[in-house]
PDB file of N, CA and C in Angstrom:
ATOM      1  N   UNK A   1     -39.581  29.317 -23.800  1.00  0.00           N
ATOM      2  CA  UNK A   1     -40.649  29.022 -24.728  1.00  0.00           C
ATOM      3  C   UNK A   1     -40.184  27.931 -25.684  1.00  0.00           C
ATOM      4  N   UNK A   2     -41.030  27.009 -25.999  1.00  0.00           N
ATOM      5  CA  UNK A   2     -40.714  25.904 -26.883  1.00  0.00           C
ATOM      6  C   UNK A   2     -40.889  26.336 -28.333  1.00  0.00           C
ATOM      7  N   UNK A   3     -39.942  25.913 -29.167  1.00  0.00           N
ATOM      8  CA  UNK A   3     -40.028  26.242 -30.588  1.00  0.00           C
ATOM      9  C   UNK A   3     -41.202  25.502 -31.216  1.00  0.00           C
ATOM     10  N   UNK A   4     -41.795  26.100 -32.218  1.00  0.00           N
ATOM     11  CA  UNK A   4     -42.892  25.446 -32.939  1.00  0.00           C
ATOM     12  C   UNK A   4     -42.306  24.360 -33.821  1.00  0.00           C
ATOM     13  N   UNK A   5     -42.992  23.241 -33.887  1.00  0.00           N
ATOM     14  CA  UNK A   5     -42.537  22.111 -34.685  1.00  0.00           C
ATOM     15  C   UNK A   5     -43.453  21.936 -35.892  1.00  0.00           C
ATOM     16  N   UNK A   6     -42.866  21.510 -36.980  1.00  0.00           N
ATOM     17  CA  UNK A   6     -43.641  21.168 -38.166  1.00  0.00           C
ATOM     18  C   UNK A   6     -44.255  19.796 -37.935  1.00  0.00           C
ATOM     19  N   UNK A   7     -45.435  19.559 -38.490  1.00  0.00           N
ATOM     20  CA  UNK A   7     -46.081  18.259 -38.352  1.00  0.00           C
ATOM     21  C   UNK A   7     -45.782  17.406 -39.576  1.00  0.00           C
ATOM     22  N   UNK A   8     -45.562  16.128 -39.437  1.00  0.00           N
ATOM     23  CA  UNK A   8     -45.693  15.365 -38.202  1.00  0.00           C
ATOM     24  C   UNK A   8     -44.529  15.665 -37.253  1.00  0.00           C
ATOM     25  N   UNK A   9     -44.801  15.519 -35.960  1.00  0.00           N
ATOM     26  CA  UNK A   9     -43.796  15.750 -34.935  1.00  0.00           C
ATOM     27  C   UNK A   9     -43.943  14.707 -33.845  1.00  0.00           C
ATOM     28  N   UNK A  10     -42.821  14.304 -33.290  1.00  0.00           N
ATOM     29  CA  UNK A  10     -42.814  13.386 -32.167  1.00  0.00           C
ATOM     30  C   UNK A  10     -42.081  14.065 -31.024  1.00  0.00           C
ATOM     31  N   UNK A  11     -42.725  14.088 -29.858  1.00  0.00           N
ATOM     32  CA  UNK A  11     -42.156  14.722 -28.677  1.00  0.00           C
ATOM     33  C   UNK A  11     -42.128  13.689 -27.557  1.00  0.00           C
ATOM     34  N   UNK A  12     -41.015  13.652 -26.827  1.00  0.00           N
ATOM     35  CA  UNK A  12     -40.876  12.780 -25.670  1.00  0.00           C
ATOM     36  C   UNK A  12     -41.043  13.620 -24.417  1.00  0.00           C
ATOM     37  N   UNK A  13     -41.976  13.215 -23.543  1.00  0.00           N
ATOM     38  CA  UNK A  13     -42.268  13.990 -22.333  1.00  0.00           C
ATOM     39  C   UNK A  13     -42.163  13.092 -21.108  1.00  0.00           C
ATOM     40  N   UNK A  14     -41.302  13.448 -20.132  1.00  0.00           N
ATOM     41  CA  UNK A  14     -41.267  12.675 -18.888  1.00  0.00           C
ATOM     42  C   UNK A  14     -42.604  12.824 -18.158  1.00  0.00           C
ATOM     43  N   UNK A  15     -43.195  11.681 -17.769  1.00  0.00           N
ATOM     44  CA  UNK A  15     -44.494  11.746 -17.095  1.00  0.00           C
ATOM     45  C   UNK A  15     -44.731  10.448 -16.340  1.00  0.00           C
ATOM     46  N   UNK A  16     -45.151  10.540 -15.089  1.00  0.00           N
ATOM     47  CA  UNK A  16     -45.439   9.339 -14.319  1.00  0.00           C
ATOM     48  C   UNK A  16     -44.232   8.432 -14.242  1.00  0.00           C
ATOM     49  N   UNK A  17     -44.435   7.138 -14.440  1.00  0.00           N
ATOM     50  CA  UNK A  17     -43.339   6.172 -14.365  1.00  0.00           C
ATOM     51  C   UNK A  17     -42.588   5.998 -15.671  1.00  0.00           C
ATOM     52  N   UNK A  18     -43.178   6.417 -16.789  1.00  0.00           N
ATOM     53  CA  UNK A  18     -42.581   6.200 -18.103  1.00  0.00           C
ATOM     54  C   UNK A  18     -42.553   7.490 -18.899  1.00  0.00           C
ATOM     55  N   UNK A  19     -41.568   7.629 -19.766  1.00  0.00           N
ATOM     56  CA  UNK A  19     -41.631   8.736 -20.716  1.00  0.00           C
ATOM     57  C   UNK A  19     -42.801   8.485 -21.673  1.00  0.00           C
ATOM     58  N   UNK A  20     -43.451   9.535 -22.072  1.00  0.00           N
ATOM     59  CA  UNK A  20     -44.546   9.415 -23.036  1.00  0.00           C
ATOM     60  C   UNK A  20     -44.087   9.963 -24.375  1.00  0.00           C
ATOM     61  N   UNK A  21     -44.400   9.213 -25.421  1.00  0.00           N
ATOM     62  CA  UNK A  21     -44.143   9.684 -26.769  1.00  0.00           C
ATOM     63  C   UNK A  21     -45.452  10.256 -27.292  1.00  0.00           C
ATOM     64  N   UNK A  22     -45.432  11.509 -27.657  1.00  0.00           N
ATOM     65  CA  UNK A  22     -46.596  12.190 -28.213  1.00  0.00           C
ATOM     66  C   UNK A  22     -46.318  12.433 -29.685  1.00  0.00           C
ATOM     67  N   UNK A  23     -47.145  11.860 -30.534  1.00  0.00           N
ATOM     68  CA  UNK A  23     -46.972  11.993 -31.989  1.00  0.00           C
ATOM     69  C   UNK A  23     -48.136  12.793 -32.542  1.00  0.00           C
ATOM     70  N   UNK A  24     -47.816  13.882 -33.193  1.00  0.00           N
ATOM     71  CA  UNK A  24     -48.821  14.763 -33.792  1.00  0.00           C
ATOM     72  C   UNK A  24     -48.722  14.675 -35.307  1.00  0.00           C
ATOM     73  N   UNK A  25     -49.863  14.447 -35.950  1.00  0.00           N
ATOM     74  CA  UNK A  25     -49.906  14.369 -37.408  1.00  0.00           C
ATOM     75  C   UNK A  25     -51.145  15.082 -37.929  1.00  0.00           C
ATOM     76  N   UNK A  26     -51.097  15.449 -39.209  1.00  0.00           N
ATOM     77  CA  UNK A  26     -52.263  16.011 -39.890  1.00  0.00           C
ATOM     78  C   UNK A  26     -53.065  14.880 -40.511  1.00  0.00           C
ATOM     79  N   UNK A  27     -54.367  14.984 -40.439  1.00  0.00           N
ATOM     80  CA  UNK A  27     -55.249  14.108 -41.211  1.00  0.00           C
ATOM     81  C   UNK A  27     -56.313  15.033 -41.784  1.00  0.00           C
ATOM     82  N   UNK A  28     -56.063  15.462 -42.984  1.00  0.00           N
ATOM     83  CA  UNK A  28     -56.936  16.480 -43.575  1.00  0.00           C
ATOM     84  C   UNK A  28     -56.715  17.797 -42.857  1.00  0.00           C
ATOM     85  N   UNK A  29     -57.790  18.362 -42.314  1.00  0.00           N
ATOM     86  CA  UNK A  29     -57.687  19.623 -41.573  1.00  0.00           C
ATOM     87  C   UNK A  29     -57.625  19.393 -40.073  1.00  0.00           C
ATOM     88  N   UNK A  30     -57.560  18.138 -39.665  1.00  0.00           N
ATOM     89  CA  UNK A  30     -57.556  17.776 -38.247  1.00  0.00           C
ATOM     90  C   UNK A  30     -56.150  17.373 -37.823  1.00  0.00           C
ATOM     91  N   UNK A  31     -55.773  17.748 -36.615  1.00  0.00           N
ATOM     92  CA  UNK A  31     -54.510  17.295 -36.044  1.00  0.00           C
ATOM     93  C   UNK A  31     -54.810  16.110 -35.137  1.00  0.00           C
ATOM     94  N   UNK A  32     -54.124  15.003 -35.382  1.00  0.00           N
ATOM     95  CA  UNK A  32     -54.300  13.776 -34.608  1.00  0.00           C
ATOM     96  C   UNK A  32     -53.140  13.655 -33.631  1.00  0.00           C
ATOM     97  N   UNK A  33     -53.459  13.379 -32.368  1.00  0.00           N
ATOM     98  CA  UNK A  33     -52.436  13.171 -31.336  1.00  0.00           C
ATOM     99  C   UNK A  33     -52.510  11.729 -30.857  1.00  0.00           C
ATOM    100  N   UNK A  34     -51.380  11.058 -30.880  1.00  0.00           N
ATOM    101  CA  UNK A  34     -51.287   9.695 -30.354  1.00  0.00           C
ATOM    102  C   UNK A  34     -50.248   9.712 -29.244  1.00  0.00           C
ATOM    103  N   UNK A  35     -50.581   9.095 -28.132  1.00  0.00           N
ATOM    104  CA  UNK A  35     -49.703   9.113 -26.971  1.00  0.00           C
ATOM    105  C   UNK A  35     -49.494   7.687 -26.481  1.00  0.00           C
ATOM    106  N   UNK A  36     -48.232   7.354 -26.180  1.00  0.00           N
ATOM    107  CA  UNK A  36     -47.962   6.022 -25.651  1.00  0.00           C
ATOM    108  C   UNK A  36     -46.726   6.061 -24.775  1.00  0.00           C
ATOM    109  N   UNK A  37     -46.688   5.213 -23.745  1.00  0.00           N
ATOM    110  CA  UNK A  37     -45.464   5.111 -22.945  1.00  0.00           C
ATOM    111  C   UNK A  37     -44.387   4.402 -23.759  1.00  0.00           C
ATOM    112  N   UNK A  38     -43.141   4.815 -23.573  1.00  0.00           N
ATOM    113  CA  UNK A  38     -42.015   4.217 -24.289  1.00  0.00           C
ATOM    114  C   UNK A  38     -40.899   3.884 -23.303  1.00  0.00           C
ATOM    115  N   UNK A  39     -39.982   3.001 -23.680  1.00  0.00           N
ATOM    116  CA  UNK A  39     -38.849   2.692 -22.803  1.00  0.00           C
ATOM    117  C   UNK A  39     -37.989   3.927 -22.562  1.00  0.00           C
ATOM    118  N   UNK A  40     -37.284   3.928 -21.461  1.00  0.00           N
ATOM    119  CA  UNK A  40     -36.383   5.034 -21.132  1.00  0.00           C
ATOM    120  C   UNK A  40     -35.198   5.037 -22.099  1.00  0.00           C
ATOM    121  N   UNK A  41     -35.012   6.122 -22.859  1.00  0.00           N
ATOM    122  CA  UNK A  41     -33.895   6.156 -23.798  1.00  0.00           C
ATOM    123  C   UNK A  41     -32.552   6.172 -23.069  1.00  0.00           C
ATOM    124  N   UNK A  42     -31.594   5.437 -23.613  1.00  0.00           N
ATOM    125  CA  UNK A  42     -30.213   5.398 -23.111  1.00  0.00           C
ATOM    126  C   UNK A  42     -30.118   4.963 -21.649  1.00  0.00           C
ATOM    127  N   UNK A  43     -31.152   4.303 -21.144  1.00  0.00           N
ATOM    128  CA  UNK A  43     -31.116   3.855 -19.758  1.00  0.00           C
ATOM    129  C   UNK A  43     -31.246   4.970 -18.739  1.00  0.00           C
ATOM    130  N   UNK A  44     -31.683   6.141 -19.182  1.00  0.00           N
ATOM    131  CA  UNK A  44     -31.849   7.268 -18.256  1.00  0.00           C
ATOM    132  C   UNK A  44     -33.089   7.051 -17.395  1.00  0.00           C
ATOM    133  N   UNK A  45     -32.973   7.380 -16.120  1.00  0.00           N
ATOM    134  CA  UNK A  45     -34.138   7.307 -15.231  1.00  0.00           C
ATOM    135  C   UNK A  45     -35.109   8.418 -15.607  1.00  0.00           C
ATOM    136  N   UNK A  46     -36.317   8.317 -15.092  1.00  0.00           N
ATOM    137  CA  UNK A  46     -37.306   9.356 -15.380  1.00  0.00           C
ATOM    138  C   UNK A  46     -36.820  10.705 -14.858  1.00  0.00           C
ATOM    139  N   UNK A  47     -36.224  10.720 -13.680  1.00  0.00           N
ATOM    140  CA  UNK A  47     -35.725  11.981 -13.115  1.00  0.00           C
ATOM    141  C   UNK A  47     -34.602  12.539 -13.981  1.00  0.00           C
ATOM    142  N   UNK A  48     -33.728  11.667 -14.466  1.00  0.00           N
ATOM    143  CA  UNK A  48     -32.663  12.136 -15.348  1.00  0.00           C
ATOM    144  C   UNK A  48     -33.246  12.705 -16.636  1.00  0.00           C
ATOM    145  N   UNK A  49     -34.301  12.100 -17.151  1.00  0.00           N
ATOM    146  CA  UNK A  49     -34.967  12.655 -18.336  1.00  0.00           C
ATOM    147  C   UNK A  49     -35.567  14.022 -18.034  1.00  0.00           C
ATOM    148  N   UNK A  50     -36.152  14.177 -16.852  1.00  0.00           N
ATOM    149  CA  UNK A  50     -36.703  15.484 -16.466  1.00  0.00           C
ATOM    150  C   UNK A  50     -35.598  16.525 -16.413  1.00  0.00           C
ATOM    151  N   UNK A  51     -34.472  16.170 -15.797  1.00  0.00           N
ATOM    152  CA  UNK A  51     -33.337  17.099 -15.708  1.00  0.00           C
ATOM    153  C   UNK A  51     -32.817  17.417 -17.104  1.00  0.00           C
ATOM    154  N   UNK A  52     -32.672  16.397 -17.946  1.00  0.00           N
ATOM    155  CA  UNK A  52     -32.192  16.616 -19.311  1.00  0.00           C
ATOM    156  C   UNK A  52     -33.139  17.515 -20.097  1.00  0.00           C
ATOM    157  N   UNK A  53     -34.428  17.334 -19.926  1.00  0.00           N
ATOM    158  CA  UNK A  53     -35.398  18.195 -20.610  1.00  0.00           C
ATOM    159  C   UNK A  53     -35.235  19.643 -20.177  1.00  0.00           C
ATOM    160  N   UNK A  54     -35.076  19.858 -18.892  1.00  0.00           N
ATOM    161  CA  UNK A  54     -34.890  21.226 -18.376  1.00  0.00           C
ATOM    162  C   UNK A  54     -33.562  21.800 -18.863  1.00  0.00           C
ATOM    163  N   UNK A  55     -32.521  20.970 -18.841  1.00  0.00           N
ATOM    164  CA  UNK A  55     -31.201  21.389 -19.312  1.00  0.00           C
ATOM    165  C   UNK A  55     -31.273  21.796 -20.781  1.00  0.00           C
ATOM    166  N   UNK A  56     -32.003  21.018 -21.578  1.00  0.00           N
ATOM    167  CA  UNK A  56     -32.102  21.315 -23.007  1.00  0.00           C
ATOM    168  C   UNK A  56     -32.891  22.592 -23.280  1.00  0.00           C
ATOM    169  N   UNK A  57     -33.669  23.024 -22.294  1.00  0.00           N
ATOM    170  CA  UNK A  57     -34.392  24.288 -22.424  1.00  0.00           C
ATOM    171  C   UNK A  57     -33.497  25.469 -22.048  1.00  0.00           C
ATOM    172  N   UNK A  58     -32.212  25.175 -21.728  1.00  0.00           N
ATOM    173  CA  UNK A  58     -31.244  26.237 -21.436  1.00  0.00           C
ATOM    174  C   UNK A  58     -31.229  26.697 -19.997  1.00  0.00           C
ATOM    175  N   UNK A  59     -31.823  25.926 -19.106  1.00  0.00           N
ATOM    176  CA  UNK A  59     -31.881  26.331 -17.704  1.00  0.00           C
ATOM    177  C   UNK A  59     -30.590  25.983 -16.966  1.00  0.00           C
ATOM    178  N   UNK A  60     -30.263  26.790 -15.963  1.00  0.00           N
ATOM    179  CA  UNK A  60     -29.099  26.542 -15.110  1.00  0.00           C
ATOM    180  C   UNK A  60     -29.441  25.473 -14.073  1.00  0.00           C
ATOM    181  N   UNK A  61     -28.422  24.952 -13.400  1.00  0.00           N
ATOM    182  CA  UNK A  61     -28.661  23.975 -12.340  1.00  0.00           C
ATOM    183  C   UNK A  61     -29.591  24.548 -11.280  1.00  0.00           C
ATOM    184  N   UNK A  62     -29.385  25.806 -10.929  1.00  0.00           N
ATOM    185  CA  UNK A  62     -30.227  26.442  -9.905  1.00  0.00           C
ATOM    186  C   UNK A  62     -31.682  26.526 -10.378  1.00  0.00           C
ATOM    187  N   UNK A  63     -31.896  26.911 -11.619  1.00  0.00           N
ATOM    188  CA  UNK A  63     -33.254  27.001 -12.165  1.00  0.00           C
ATOM    189  C   UNK A  63     -33.910  25.620 -12.237  1.00  0.00           C
ATOM    190  N   UNK A  64     -33.141  24.616 -12.657  1.00  0.00           N
ATOM    191  CA  UNK A  64     -33.676  23.257 -12.725  1.00  0.00           C
ATOM    192  C   UNK A  64     -34.061  22.788 -11.326  1.00  0.00           C
ATOM    193  N   UNK A  65     -33.189  23.034 -10.367  1.00  0.00           N
ATOM    194  CA  UNK A  65     -33.449  22.626  -8.979  1.00  0.00           C
ATOM    195  C   UNK A  65     -34.748  23.238  -8.468  1.00  0.00           C
ATOM    196  N   UNK A  66     -34.952  24.510  -8.749  1.00  0.00           N
ATOM    197  CA  UNK A  66     -36.173  25.179  -8.292  1.00  0.00           C
ATOM    198  C   UNK A  66     -37.413  24.585  -8.956  1.00  0.00           C
ATOM    199  N   UNK A  67     -37.328  24.269 -10.235  1.00  0.00           N
ATOM    200  CA  UNK A  67     -38.481  23.715 -10.964  1.00  0.00           C
ATOM    201  C   UNK A  67     -38.806  22.287 -10.533  1.00  0.00           C
ATOM    202  N   UNK A  68     -37.772  21.514 -10.138  1.00  0.00           N
ATOM    203  CA  UNK A  68     -37.977  20.114  -9.777  1.00  0.00           C
ATOM    204  C   UNK A  68     -37.992  19.878  -8.265  1.00  0.00           C
ATOM    205  N   UNK A  69     -37.864  20.950  -7.497  1.00  0.00           N
ATOM    206  CA  UNK A  69     -37.928  20.876  -6.029  1.00  0.00           C
ATOM    207  C   UNK A  69     -36.850  19.971  -5.441  1.00  0.00           C
ATOM    208  N   UNK A  70     -35.625  20.137  -5.947  1.00  0.00           N
ATOM    209  CA  UNK A  70     -34.461  19.437  -5.410  1.00  0.00           C
ATOM    210  C   UNK A  70     -33.339  20.457  -5.239  1.00  0.00           C
ATOM    211  N   UNK A  71     -32.201  20.021  -4.683  1.00  0.00           N
ATOM    212  CA  UNK A  71     -31.078  20.941  -4.501  1.00  0.00           C
ATOM    213  C   UNK A  71     -30.272  21.059  -5.791  1.00  0.00           C
ATOM    214  N   UNK A  72     -29.505  22.130  -5.903  1.00  0.00           N
ATOM    215  CA  UNK A  72     -28.638  22.320  -7.066  1.00  0.00           C
ATOM    216  C   UNK A  72     -27.603  21.207  -7.147  1.00  0.00           C
ATOM    217  N   UNK A  73     -27.141  20.734  -5.993  1.00  0.00           N
ATOM    218  CA  UNK A  73     -26.162  19.639  -5.980  1.00  0.00           C
ATOM    219  C   UNK A  73     -26.781  18.346  -6.539  1.00  0.00           C
ATOM    220  N   UNK A  74     -28.038  18.096  -6.205  1.00  0.00           N
ATOM    221  CA  UNK A  74     -28.728  16.920  -6.743  1.00  0.00           C
ATOM    222  C   UNK A  74     -28.820  17.019  -8.262  1.00  0.00           C
ATOM    223  N   UNK A  75     -29.132  18.192  -8.758  1.00  0.00           N
ATOM    224  CA  UNK A  75     -29.191  18.406 -10.208  1.00  0.00           C
ATOM    225  C   UNK A  75     -27.821  18.142 -10.824  1.00  0.00           C
ATOM    226  N   UNK A  76     -26.757  18.650 -10.193  1.00  0.00           N
ATOM    227  CA  UNK A  76     -25.403  18.438 -10.711  1.00  0.00           C
ATOM    228  C   UNK A  76     -25.073  16.950 -10.771  1.00  0.00           C
ATOM    229  N   UNK A  77     -25.485  16.205  -9.758  1.00  0.00           N
ATOM    230  CA  UNK A  77     -25.249  14.758  -9.743  1.00  0.00           C
ATOM    231  C   UNK A  77     -26.014  14.079 -10.878  1.00  0.00           C
ATOM    232  N   UNK A  78     -27.273  14.465 -11.063  1.00  0.00           N
ATOM    233  CA  UNK A  78     -28.053  13.907 -12.179  1.00  0.00           C
ATOM    234  C   UNK A  78     -27.368  14.206 -13.514  1.00  0.00           C
ATOM    235  N   UNK A  79     -26.867  15.413 -13.674  1.00  0.00           N
ATOM    236  CA  UNK A  79     -26.203  15.784 -14.927  1.00  0.00           C
ATOM    237  C   UNK A  79     -24.934  14.955 -15.128  1.00  0.00           C
ATOM    238  N   UNK A  80     -24.176  14.711 -14.066  1.00  0.00           N
ATOM    239  CA  UNK A  80     -22.997  13.845 -14.168  1.00  0.00           C
ATOM    240  C   UNK A  80     -23.398  12.455 -14.674  1.00  0.00           C
ATOM    241  N   UNK A  81     -24.487  11.912 -14.116  1.00  0.00           N
ATOM    242  CA  UNK A  81     -24.972  10.593 -14.541  1.00  0.00           C
ATOM    243  C   UNK A  81     -25.451  10.615 -15.992  1.00  0.00           C
ATOM    244  N   UNK A  82     -26.141  11.682 -16.378  1.00  0.00           N
ATOM    245  CA  UNK A  82     -26.637  11.820 -17.753  1.00  0.00           C
ATOM    246  C   UNK A  82     -25.465  11.833 -18.736  1.00  0.00           C
ATOM    247  N   UNK A  83     -24.438  12.629 -18.431  1.00  0.00           N
ATOM    248  CA  UNK A  83     -23.275  12.720 -19.326  1.00  0.00           C
ATOM    249  C   UNK A  83     -22.590  11.366 -19.458  1.00  0.00           C
ATOM    250  N   UNK A  84     -22.491  10.640 -18.346  1.00  0.00           N
ATOM    251  CA  UNK A  84     -21.851   9.318 -18.377  1.00  0.00           C
ATOM    252  C   UNK A  84     -22.690   8.321 -19.184  1.00  0.00           C
ATOM    253  N   UNK A  85     -23.997   8.302 -18.957  1.00  0.00           N
ATOM    254  CA  UNK A  85     -24.856   7.348 -19.670  1.00  0.00           C
ATOM    255  C   UNK A  85     -24.914   7.634 -21.160  1.00  0.00           C
ATOM    256  N   UNK A  86     -24.884   8.894 -21.525  1.00  0.00           N
ATOM    257  CA  UNK A  86     -24.922   9.265 -22.946  1.00  0.00           C
ATOM    258  C   UNK A  86     -23.527   9.264 -23.572  1.00  0.00           C
ATOM    259  N   UNK A  87     -22.488   9.152 -22.710  1.00  0.00           N
ATOM    260  CA  UNK A  87     -21.097   9.175 -23.155  1.00  0.00           C
ATOM    261  C   UNK A  87     -20.809  10.436 -23.962  1.00  0.00           C
ATOM    262  N   UNK A  88     -21.186  11.570 -23.366  1.00  0.00           N
ATOM    263  CA  UNK A  88     -20.945  12.872 -23.987  1.00  0.00           C
ATOM    264  C   UNK A  88     -20.141  13.743 -23.028  1.00  0.00           C
ATOM    265  N   UNK A  89     -19.392  14.727 -23.563  1.00  0.00           N
ATOM    266  CA  UNK A  89     -18.493  15.511 -22.717  1.00  0.00           C
ATOM    267  C   UNK A  89     -19.125  16.703 -21.994  1.00  0.00           C
ATOM    268  N   UNK A  90     -20.289  17.166 -22.467  1.00  0.00           N
ATOM    269  CA  UNK A  90     -20.815  18.399 -21.874  1.00  0.00           C
ATOM    270  C   UNK A  90     -22.337  18.509 -22.038  1.00  0.00           C
ATOM    271  N   UNK A  91     -22.871  19.568 -21.416  1.00  0.00           N
ATOM    272  CA  UNK A  91     -24.317  19.811 -21.419  1.00  0.00           C
ATOM    273  C   UNK A  91     -24.862  20.003 -22.839  1.00  0.00           C
ATOM    274  N   UNK A  92     -24.099  20.700 -23.676  1.00  0.00           N
ATOM    275  CA  UNK A  92     -24.562  20.966 -25.043  1.00  0.00           C
ATOM    276  C   UNK A  92     -24.737  19.662 -25.818  1.00  0.00           C
ATOM    277  N   UNK A  93     -23.805  18.741 -25.653  1.00  0.00           N
ATOM    278  CA  UNK A  93     -23.907  17.453 -26.340  1.00  0.00           C
ATOM    279  C   UNK A  93     -25.093  16.659 -25.804  1.00  0.00           C
ATOM    280  N   UNK A  94     -25.323  16.720 -24.500  1.00  0.00           N
ATOM    281  CA  UNK A  94     -26.483  16.040 -23.913  1.00  0.00           C
ATOM    282  C   UNK A  94     -27.774  16.659 -24.445  1.00  0.00           C
ATOM    283  N   UNK A  95     -27.803  17.984 -24.528  1.00  0.00           N
ATOM    284  CA  UNK A  95     -28.987  18.675 -25.046  1.00  0.00           C
ATOM    285  C   UNK A  95     -29.247  18.284 -26.496  1.00  0.00           C
ATOM    286  N   UNK A  96     -28.195  17.986 -27.239  1.00  0.00           N
ATOM    287  CA  UNK A  96     -28.348  17.545 -28.621  1.00  0.00           C
ATOM    288  C   UNK A  96     -29.123  16.222 -28.685  1.00  0.00           C
ATOM    289  N   UNK A  97     -28.823  15.307 -27.752  1.00  0.00           N
ATOM    290  CA  UNK A  97     -29.573  14.051 -27.685  1.00  0.00           C
ATOM    291  C   UNK A  97     -31.044  14.335 -27.374  1.00  0.00           C
ATOM    292  N   UNK A  98     -31.274  15.231 -26.424  1.00  0.00           N
ATOM    293  CA  UNK A  98     -32.639  15.582 -26.047  1.00  0.00           C
ATOM    294  C   UNK A  98     -33.401  16.124 -27.246  1.00  0.00           C
ATOM    295  N   UNK A  99     -32.752  16.972 -28.019  1.00  0.00           N
ATOM    296  CA  UNK A  99     -33.387  17.523 -29.216  1.00  0.00           C
ATOM    297  C   UNK A  99     -33.708  16.464 -30.240  1.00  0.00           C
ATOM    298  N   UNK A 100     -32.803  15.511 -30.421  1.00  0.00           N
ATOM    299  CA  UNK A 100     -33.022  14.436 -31.389  1.00  0.00           C
ATOM    300  C   UNK A 100     -34.190  13.555 -30.951  1.00  0.00           C
ATOM    301  N   UNK A 101     -34.364  13.391 -29.650  1.00  0.00           N
ATOM    302  CA  UNK A 101     -35.490  12.589 -29.128  1.00  0.00           C
ATOM    303  C   UNK A 101     -36.789  13.379 -29.072  1.00  0.00           C
ATOM    304  N   UNK A 102     -36.716  14.703 -29.267  1.00  0.00           N
ATOM    305  CA  UNK A 102     -37.918  15.531 -29.106  1.00  0.00           C
ATOM    306  C   UNK A 102     -38.290  15.679 -27.649  1.00  0.00           C
ATOM    307  N   UNK A 103     -37.291  15.582 -26.762  1.00  0.00           N
ATOM    308  CA  UNK A 103     -37.553  15.663 -25.318  1.00  0.00           C
ATOM    309  C   UNK A 103     -37.942  17.081 -24.926  1.00  0.00           C
ATOM    310  N   UNK A 104     -39.057  17.207 -24.236  1.00  0.00           N
ATOM    311  CA  UNK A 104     -39.581  18.508 -23.821  1.00  0.00           C
ATOM    312  C   UNK A 104     -39.839  18.500 -22.320  1.00  0.00           C
ATOM    313  N   UNK A 105     -39.602  19.626 -21.654  1.00  0.00           N
ATOM    314  CA  UNK A 105     -39.964  19.706 -20.234  1.00  0.00           C
ATOM    315  C   UNK A 105     -41.474  19.534 -20.078  1.00  0.00           C
ATOM    316  N   UNK A 106     -41.884  18.857 -19.011  1.00  0.00           N
ATOM    317  CA  UNK A 106     -43.326  18.748 -18.746  1.00  0.00           C
ATOM    318  C   UNK A 106     -43.741  19.915 -17.882  1.00  0.00           C
ATOM    319  N   UNK A 107     -44.711  20.653 -18.343  1.00  0.00           N
ATOM    320  CA  UNK A 107     -45.220  21.775 -17.548  1.00  0.00           C
ATOM    321  C   UNK A 107     -44.489  23.022 -17.657  1.00  0.00           C
TER     322      UNK A 107
END
């Protein structure tokens, strides 16, 4: 389950060919949502962003593989690439980047 965010909030969601930035703000009693495609952060591919989003949700390689319809080994390879591109030593540090970006699993 995703934690509730205070508004304004910006969430990055892997979708289609580009990550989408979803910005939620209050305007009076109405919540305004603005959505736009953004460049891939840290040079991560869309698939790597999807894996990172799932990883940041605390899922195991096996769980990520099942959700993304790939093998656990493919997920492990993506995670190796993510750690190298972010220049971080472990999954927790990578998840920290995801949290700072507001990266959320799609679906």
